[in-house]
Amino acid sequence: MEAKKEIIGIIKDMSGSYAPYNIFSDWIQLCAISVQNACCMIRNKVWEDREQLYIDTARKYKDKELEQFARMFVLLGDALEEEMTDVLGEVYMEAEMGNKYTGQFFTPFHVSELCAKAGIDLAELPETGRISLHEPSCGGGGMVIAACKVLHDAGFDYQRRLDVVAQDLDWKGVYMTYLQLSLIGCRALVVQGDTLAEPFDRRRTDPARIFRTPAYMEVLL
């Protein structure tokens, strides 16, 4: 997958001034905020706070470096179009950011796909109507992507019929999941928080902790 390799190469080239982990974390945050705020018709406090977070993060980088971030976002879309897989999780691991110091690792996609095949009973899916999928610890979104792939390969139109709620305590996981589900056209709410202590509630969960994919907001990306 050439696009994925190019993303890793750009991160490594930029790592003279910044740690790869910080480059990756800032990149996905900036991209996620850009996509979400571009989809919002109403500029409320949540929109303004996210925009300020974007500005504060972007200030650390030169214009040419921000252009590289934009380039990586295009490459991410290319990679996901080439193959539906956990591209960001693979980038994170292959760029050697998953180690005992960061304390975060991502499940290999073939394992996620195997779990999705074992867990989804295609014969039991209704022929019409919507179905729901809840992922309480989404990480980078690999398990949800795997479920979408299994459904797609079986001829099931996940973009029109699947509703996803994905939650994770780590904002990095939220941003990763949000970006990838946005780019594969999945209708999803991606929520930051502890699923056990603070399960998602449409009426009570702080809107600042919720990212809605373009498909959920019925916006073309």
C-alpha atoms as a PDB file:
ATOM      1  CA  MET A   1       0.000   0.000   0.000  1.00  0.00           C
ATOM      2  CA  GLU A   2       2.015   2.928  -1.342  1.00  0.00           C
ATOM      3  CA  ALA A   3      -0.132   5.660   0.203  1.00  0.00           C
ATOM      4  CA  LYS A   4       0.378   4.238   3.695  1.00  0.00           C
ATOM      5  CA  LYS A   5       4.134   4.001   3.132  1.00  0.00           C
ATOM      6  CA  GLU A   6       4.215   7.634   2.035  1.00  0.00           C
ATOM      7  CA  ILE A   7       2.392   8.726   5.194  1.00  0.00           C
ATOM      8  CA  ILE A   8       4.966   6.906   7.317  1.00  0.00           C
ATOM      9  CA  GLY A   9       7.777   8.464   5.270  1.00  0.00           C
ATOM     10  CA  ILE A  10       6.422  11.991   5.784  1.00  0.00           C
ATOM     11  CA  ILE A  11       6.122  11.440   9.541  1.00  0.00           C
ATOM     12  CA  LYS A  12       9.709  10.182   9.694  1.00  0.00           C
ATOM     13  CA  ASP A  13      10.963  13.116   7.589  1.00  0.00           C
ATOM     14  CA  MET A  14       9.282  15.575   9.966  1.00  0.00           C
ATOM     15  CA  SER A  15      10.593  13.862  13.081  1.00  0.00           C
ATOM     16  CA  GLY A  16      13.809  15.853  13.216  1.00  0.00           C
ATOM     17  CA  SER A  17      11.979  18.682  14.970  1.00  0.00           C
ATOM     18  CA  TYR A  18       9.182  16.702  16.633  1.00  0.00           C
ATOM     19  CA  ALA A  19       8.697  13.212  18.015  1.00  0.00           C
ATOM     20  CA  PRO A  20       6.785  10.950  15.579  1.00  0.00           C
ATOM     21  CA  TYR A  21       4.144  10.321  18.264  1.00  0.00           C
ATOM     22  CA  ASN A  22       3.466  14.061  18.585  1.00  0.00           C
ATOM     23  CA  ILE A  23       3.384  14.568  14.818  1.00  0.00           C
ATOM     24  CA  PHE A  24       0.870  11.754  14.417  1.00  0.00           C
ATOM     25  CA  SER A  25      -1.283  12.939  17.340  1.00  0.00           C
ATOM     26  CA  ASP A  26      -1.373  16.550  16.136  1.00  0.00           C
ATOM     27  CA  TRP A  27      -2.059  15.518  12.550  1.00  0.00           C
ATOM     28  CA  ILE A  28      -5.110  13.389  13.343  1.00  0.00           C
ATOM     29  CA  GLN A  29      -6.441  16.033  15.736  1.00  0.00           C
ATOM     30  CA  LEU A  30      -6.167  18.788  13.125  1.00  0.00           C
ATOM     31  CA  CYS A  31      -7.741  16.636  10.420  1.00  0.00           C
ATOM     32  CA  ALA A  32     -10.607  15.467  12.638  1.00  0.00           C
ATOM     33  CA  ILE A  33     -11.436  19.014  13.725  1.00  0.00           C
ATOM     34  CA  SER A  34     -11.241  20.233  10.115  1.00  0.00           C
ATOM     35  CA  VAL A  35     -13.686  17.602   8.905  1.00  0.00           C
ATOM     36  CA  GLN A  36     -16.110  18.006  11.801  1.00  0.00           C
ATOM     37  CA  ASN A  37     -16.197  21.800  11.773  1.00  0.00           C
ATOM     38  CA  ALA A  38     -16.565  21.874   7.985  1.00  0.00           C
ATOM     39  CA  CYS A  39     -19.722  19.758   8.376  1.00  0.00           C
ATOM     40  CA  CYS A  40     -21.327  22.024  10.988  1.00  0.00           C
ATOM     41  CA  MET A  41     -23.838  24.569   9.742  1.00  0.00           C
ATOM     42  CA  ILE A  42     -24.162  26.271  13.141  1.00  0.00           C
ATOM     43  CA  ARG A  43     -21.093  27.899  14.675  1.00  0.00           C
ATOM     44  CA  ASN A  44     -21.783  27.442  18.379  1.00  0.00           C
ATOM     45  CA  LYS A  45     -19.443  27.269  21.385  1.00  0.00           C
ATOM     46  CA  VAL A  46     -18.395  23.699  20.620  1.00  0.00           C
ATOM     47  CA  TRP A  47     -17.447  24.749  17.087  1.00  0.00           C
ATOM     48  CA  GLU A  48     -15.533  27.779  18.396  1.00  0.00           C
ATOM     49  CA  ASP A  49     -13.666  25.774  21.039  1.00  0.00           C
ATOM     50  CA  ARG A  50     -12.611  23.197  18.458  1.00  0.00           C
ATOM     51  CA  GLU A  51     -11.531  25.919  16.070  1.00  0.00           C
ATOM     52  CA  GLN A  52      -9.381  27.458  18.808  1.00  0.00           C
ATOM     53  CA  LEU A  53      -7.850  24.063  19.584  1.00  0.00           C
ATOM     54  CA  TYR A  54      -7.029  23.729  15.887  1.00  0.00           C
ATOM     55  CA  ILE A  55      -5.351  27.155  15.848  1.00  0.00           C
ATOM     56  CA  ASP A  56      -3.362  26.446  19.012  1.00  0.00           C
ATOM     57  CA  THR A  57      -2.090  23.117  17.654  1.00  0.00           C
ATOM     58  CA  ALA A  58      -1.347  24.426  14.164  1.00  0.00           C
ATOM     59  CA  ARG A  59       0.774  27.248  15.585  1.00  0.00           C
ATOM     60  CA  LYS A  60       3.506  24.744  16.410  1.00  0.00           C
ATOM     61  CA  TYR A  61       4.113  24.015  12.740  1.00  0.00           C
ATOM     62  CA  LYS A  62       5.432  25.907   9.733  1.00  0.00           C
ATOM     63  CA  ASP A  63       3.285  26.397   6.645  1.00  0.00           C
ATOM     64  CA  LYS A  64       5.180  23.721   4.696  1.00  0.00           C
ATOM     65  CA  GLU A  65       4.664  21.250   7.549  1.00  0.00           C
ATOM     66  CA  LEU A  66       0.941  21.960   7.591  1.00  0.00           C
ATOM     67  CA  GLU A  67       0.922  21.342   3.841  1.00  0.00           C
ATOM     68  CA  GLN A  68       2.423  17.940   4.583  1.00  0.00           C
ATOM     69  CA  PHE A  69      -0.407  17.283   7.042  1.00  0.00           C
ATOM     70  CA  ALA A  70      -2.898  18.062   4.277  1.00  0.00           C
ATOM     71  CA  ARG A  71      -0.978  15.762   1.942  1.00  0.00           C
ATOM     72  CA  MET A  72      -1.151  12.941   4.492  1.00  0.00           C
ATOM     73  CA  PHE A  73      -4.911  13.369   4.794  1.00  0.00           C
ATOM     74  CA  VAL A  74      -5.274  12.917   1.019  1.00  0.00           C
ATOM     75  CA  LEU A  75      -3.043   9.854   1.228  1.00  0.00           C
ATOM     76  CA  LEU A  76      -5.187   8.442   4.035  1.00  0.00           C
ATOM     77  CA  GLY A  77      -8.234   8.694   1.796  1.00  0.00           C
ATOM     78  CA  ASP A  78      -6.329   7.042  -1.034  1.00  0.00           C
ATOM     79  CA  ALA A  79      -5.192   4.198   1.224  1.00  0.00           C
ATOM     80  CA  LEU A  80      -8.702   3.487   2.507  1.00  0.00           C
ATOM     81  CA  GLU A  81     -10.079   3.563  -1.021  1.00  0.00           C
ATOM     82  CA  GLU A  82      -7.404   1.105  -2.103  1.00  0.00           C
ATOM     83  CA  GLU A  83      -8.098  -1.265   0.782  1.00  0.00           C
ATOM     84  CA  MET A  84     -10.604  -1.098   3.637  1.00  0.00           C
ATOM     85  CA  THR A  85      -8.343  -1.669   6.618  1.00  0.00           C
ATOM     86  CA  ASP A  86      -7.158   0.064   9.791  1.00  0.00           C
ATOM     87  CA  VAL A  87      -4.692   2.316   7.988  1.00  0.00           C
ATOM     88  CA  LEU A  88      -4.042   4.634  10.927  1.00  0.00           C
ATOM     89  CA  GLY A  89      -3.487   1.766  13.337  1.00  0.00           C
ATOM     90  CA  GLU A  90      -0.998   0.276  10.893  1.00  0.00           C
ATOM     91  CA  VAL A  91       0.759   3.620  10.427  1.00  0.00           C
ATOM     92  CA  TYR A  92       1.001   4.002  14.197  1.00  0.00           C
ATOM     93  CA  MET A  93       2.534   0.567  14.673  1.00  0.00           C
ATOM     94  CA  GLU A  94       4.777   0.520  11.601  1.00  0.00           C
ATOM     95  CA  ALA A  95       6.194   3.944  12.454  1.00  0.00           C
ATOM     96  CA  GLU A  96       7.134   2.382  15.805  1.00  0.00           C
ATOM     97  CA  MET A  97       4.954   4.636  17.942  1.00  0.00           C
ATOM     98  CA  GLY A  98       3.397   1.666  19.734  1.00  0.00           C
ATOM     99  CA  ASN A  99       5.777   0.856  22.563  1.00  0.00           C
ATOM    100  CA  LYS A 100       5.915   0.439  26.336  1.00  0.00           C
ATOM    101  CA  TYR A 101       6.292   4.197  26.824  1.00  0.00           C
ATOM    102  CA  THR A 102       3.146   5.277  24.984  1.00  0.00           C
ATOM    103  CA  GLY A 103       1.325   2.194  26.283  1.00  0.00           C
ATOM    104  CA  GLN A 104      -0.938   1.859  23.271  1.00  0.00           C
ATOM    105  CA  PHE A 105      -1.045  -0.865  20.642  1.00  0.00           C
ATOM    106  CA  PHE A 106      -3.522  -1.573  17.861  1.00  0.00           C
ATOM    107  CA  THR A 107      -4.924  -4.979  16.973  1.00  0.00           C
ATOM    108  CA  PRO A 108      -3.696  -6.305  13.597  1.00  0.00           C
ATOM    109  CA  PHE A 109      -6.505  -5.863  11.100  1.00  0.00           C
ATOM    110  CA  HIS A 110      -6.644  -9.511  10.069  1.00  0.00           C
ATOM    111  CA  VAL A 111      -7.484 -10.339  13.698  1.00  0.00           C
ATOM    112  CA  SER A 112     -10.215  -7.692  13.768  1.00  0.00           C
ATOM    113  CA  GLU A 113     -11.619  -9.032  10.501  1.00  0.00           C
ATOM    114  CA  LEU A 114     -11.625 -12.582  11.848  1.00  0.00           C
ATOM    115  CA  CYS A 115     -13.515 -11.397  14.949  1.00  0.00           C
ATOM    116  CA  ALA A 116     -16.021  -9.536  12.766  1.00  0.00           C
ATOM    117  CA  LYS A 117     -16.631 -12.618  10.629  1.00  0.00           C
ATOM    118  CA  ALA A 118     -17.156 -14.714  13.752  1.00  0.00           C
ATOM    119  CA  GLY A 119     -19.391 -12.158  15.448  1.00  0.00           C
ATOM    120  CA  ILE A 120     -21.667 -11.133  12.586  1.00  0.00           C
ATOM    121  CA  ASP A 121     -24.314 -13.660  11.623  1.00  0.00           C
ATOM    122  CA  LEU A 122     -25.062 -12.532   8.094  1.00  0.00           C
ATOM    123  CA  ALA A 123     -27.994 -14.929   7.833  1.00  0.00           C
ATOM    124  CA  GLU A 124     -29.715 -13.178  10.739  1.00  0.00           C
ATOM    125  CA  LEU A 125     -29.474  -9.654   9.312  1.00  0.00           C
ATOM    126  CA  PRO A 126     -32.837  -8.204   8.267  1.00  0.00           C
ATOM    127  CA  GLU A 127     -33.278  -7.639   4.536  1.00  0.00           C
ATOM    128  CA  THR A 128     -34.472  -4.081   5.077  1.00  0.00           C
ATOM    129  CA  GLY A 129     -34.189  -1.378   7.720  1.00  0.00           C
ATOM    130  CA  ARG A 130     -31.268  -0.125   9.741  1.00  0.00           C
ATOM    131  CA  ILE A 131     -29.064  -2.075  12.119  1.00  0.00           C
ATOM    132  CA  SER A 132     -26.950  -0.771  14.989  1.00  0.00           C
ATOM    133  CA  LEU A 133     -23.381  -1.456  16.036  1.00  0.00           C
ATOM    134  CA  HIS A 134     -21.916  -0.288  19.355  1.00  0.00           C
ATOM    135  CA  GLU A 135     -18.161  -0.388  19.946  1.00  0.00           C
ATOM    136  CA  PRO A 136     -17.358   0.426  23.619  1.00  0.00           C
ATOM    137  CA  SER A 137     -13.568   0.642  23.210  1.00  0.00           C
ATOM    138  CA  CYS A 138     -12.932   1.584  19.605  1.00  0.00           C
ATOM    139  CA  GLY A 139      -9.198   2.301  19.647  1.00  0.00           C
ATOM    140  CA  GLY A 140      -8.420   3.455  16.120  1.00  0.00           C
ATOM    141  CA  GLY A 141     -11.665   2.065  14.737  1.00  0.00           C
ATOM    142  CA  GLY A 142     -10.230  -1.196  13.416  1.00  0.00           C
ATOM    143  CA  MET A 143     -13.056  -3.402  14.659  1.00  0.00           C
ATOM    144  CA  VAL A 144     -15.736  -1.139  13.178  1.00  0.00           C
ATOM    145  CA  ILE A 145     -13.886  -0.963   9.867  1.00  0.00           C
ATOM    146  CA  ALA A 146     -13.636  -4.757   9.901  1.00  0.00           C
ATOM    147  CA  ALA A 147     -17.384  -5.039  10.475  1.00  0.00           C
ATOM    148  CA  CYS A 148     -18.025  -2.651   7.582  1.00  0.00           C
ATOM    149  CA  LYS A 149     -15.725  -4.701   5.351  1.00  0.00           C
ATOM    150  CA  VAL A 150     -17.420  -7.984   6.232  1.00  0.00           C
ATOM    151  CA  LEU A 151     -20.834  -6.450   5.519  1.00  0.00           C
ATOM    152  CA  HIS A 152     -19.622  -4.869   2.279  1.00  0.00           C
ATOM    153  CA  ASP A 153     -18.049  -8.101   1.047  1.00  0.00           C
ATOM    154  CA  ALA A 154     -21.363  -9.850   1.703  1.00  0.00           C
ATOM    155  CA  GLY A 155     -23.243  -7.329  -0.446  1.00  0.00           C
ATOM    156  CA  PHE A 156     -24.678  -5.416   2.526  1.00  0.00           C
ATOM    157  CA  ASP A 157     -24.806  -1.636   2.024  1.00  0.00           C
ATOM    158  CA  TYR A 158     -23.317  -0.529   5.352  1.00  0.00           C
ATOM    159  CA  GLN A 159     -23.214   3.119   4.236  1.00  0.00           C
ATOM    160  CA  ARG A 160     -27.010   3.254   4.029  1.00  0.00           C
ATOM    161  CA  ARG A 161     -28.102   0.763   6.662  1.00  0.00           C
ATOM    162  CA  LEU A 162     -25.544   0.700   9.489  1.00  0.00           C
ATOM    163  CA  ASP A 163     -25.643   3.057  12.500  1.00  0.00           C
ATOM    164  CA  VAL A 164     -22.527   3.073  14.682  1.00  0.00           C
ATOM    165  CA  VAL A 165     -21.762   4.440  18.128  1.00  0.00           C
ATOM    166  CA  ALA A 166     -18.040   4.114  18.882  1.00  0.00           C
ATOM    167  CA  GLN A 167     -16.559   5.254  22.176  1.00  0.00           C
ATOM    168  CA  ASP A 168     -13.053   5.495  23.593  1.00  0.00           C
ATOM    169  CA  LEU A 169     -11.447   7.139  26.600  1.00  0.00           C
ATOM    170  CA  ASP A 170      -8.444   8.369  24.616  1.00  0.00           C
ATOM    171  CA  TRP A 171      -8.961  11.369  22.356  1.00  0.00           C
ATOM    172  CA  LYS A 172      -6.395   9.989  19.943  1.00  0.00           C
ATOM    173  CA  GLY A 173      -8.572   6.913  19.445  1.00  0.00           C
ATOM    174  CA  VAL A 174     -11.595   9.153  18.916  1.00  0.00           C
ATOM    175  CA  TYR A 175      -9.811  11.174  16.241  1.00  0.00           C
ATOM    176  CA  MET A 176      -8.456   8.068  14.487  1.00  0.00           C
ATOM    177  CA  THR A 177     -11.824   6.342  14.453  1.00  0.00           C
ATOM    178  CA  TYR A 178     -13.641   9.474  13.367  1.00  0.00           C
ATOM    179  CA  LEU A 179     -11.329  10.114  10.430  1.00  0.00           C
ATOM    180  CA  GLN A 180     -11.388   6.562   9.123  1.00  0.00           C
ATOM    181  CA  LEU A 181     -15.147   6.085   9.495  1.00  0.00           C
ATOM    182  CA  SER A 182     -15.687   9.461   7.841  1.00  0.00           C
ATOM    183  CA  LEU A 183     -13.564   8.474   4.860  1.00  0.00           C
ATOM    184  CA  ILE A 184     -15.261   5.102   4.327  1.00  0.00           C
ATOM    185  CA  GLY A 185     -18.693   6.737   4.454  1.00  0.00           C
ATOM    186  CA  CYS A 186     -19.867   5.156   7.693  1.00  0.00           C
ATOM    187  CA  ARG A 187     -22.760   6.770   9.567  1.00  0.00           C
ATOM    188  CA  ALA A 188     -21.338   7.081  13.090  1.00  0.00           C
ATOM    189  CA  LEU A 189     -21.165   8.952  16.357  1.00  0.00           C
ATOM    190  CA  VAL A 190     -17.664   8.792  17.827  1.00  0.00           C
ATOM    191  CA  VAL A 191     -17.642   9.636  21.513  1.00  0.00           C
ATOM    192  CA  GLN A 192     -14.875  10.393  23.996  1.00  0.00           C
ATOM    193  CA  GLY A 193     -15.364   8.902  27.432  1.00  0.00           C
ATOM    194  CA  ASP A 194     -15.230   5.875  29.705  1.00  0.00           C
ATOM    195  CA  THR A 195     -17.972   3.563  28.427  1.00  0.00           C
ATOM    196  CA  LEU A 196     -18.404   1.886  31.820  1.00  0.00           C
ATOM    197  CA  ALA A 197     -18.462   5.054  33.925  1.00  0.00           C
ATOM    198  CA  GLU A 198     -20.054   7.348  31.345  1.00  0.00           C
ATOM    199  CA  PRO A 199     -21.979   5.350  28.741  1.00  0.00           C
ATOM    200  CA  PHE A 200     -23.136   7.415  25.779  1.00  0.00           C
ATOM    201  CA  ASP A 201     -26.511   9.058  26.250  1.00  0.00           C
ATOM    202  CA  ARG A 202     -27.894  11.245  23.457  1.00  0.00           C
ATOM    203  CA  ARG A 203     -29.576  13.530  25.983  1.00  0.00           C
ATOM    204  CA  ARG A 204     -26.782  13.814  28.553  1.00  0.00           C
ATOM    205  CA  THR A 205     -23.392  13.333  26.931  1.00  0.00           C
ATOM    206  CA  ASP A 206     -21.515  16.616  26.516  1.00  0.00           C
ATOM    207  CA  PRO A 207     -21.699  17.638  22.813  1.00  0.00           C
ATOM    208  CA  ALA A 208     -18.032  18.653  23.003  1.00  0.00           C
ATOM    209  CA  ARG A 209     -17.193  14.947  23.390  1.00  0.00           C
ATOM    210  CA  ILE A 210     -19.135  13.832  20.316  1.00  0.00           C
ATOM    211  CA  PHE A 211     -17.849  13.770  16.744  1.00  0.00           C
ATOM    212  CA  ARG A 212     -20.371  13.067  14.005  1.00  0.00           C
ATOM    213  CA  THR A 213     -19.216  11.665  10.686  1.00  0.00           C
ATOM    214  CA  PRO A 214     -20.220  13.443   7.474  1.00  0.00           C
ATOM    215  CA  ALA A 215     -22.476  10.499   6.580  1.00  0.00           C
ATOM    216  CA  TYR A 216     -24.264  10.880   9.917  1.00  0.00           C
ATOM    217  CA  MET A 217     -24.756  14.592   9.192  1.00  0.00           C
ATOM    218  CA  GLU A 218     -25.781  13.792   5.602  1.00  0.00           C
ATOM    219  CA  VAL A 219     -22.875  15.807   4.202  1.00  0.00           C
ATOM    220  CA  LEU A 220     -20.633  14.755   1.329  1.00  0.00           C
ATOM    221  CA  LEU A 221     -16.955  14.628   2.278  1.00  0.00           C
END
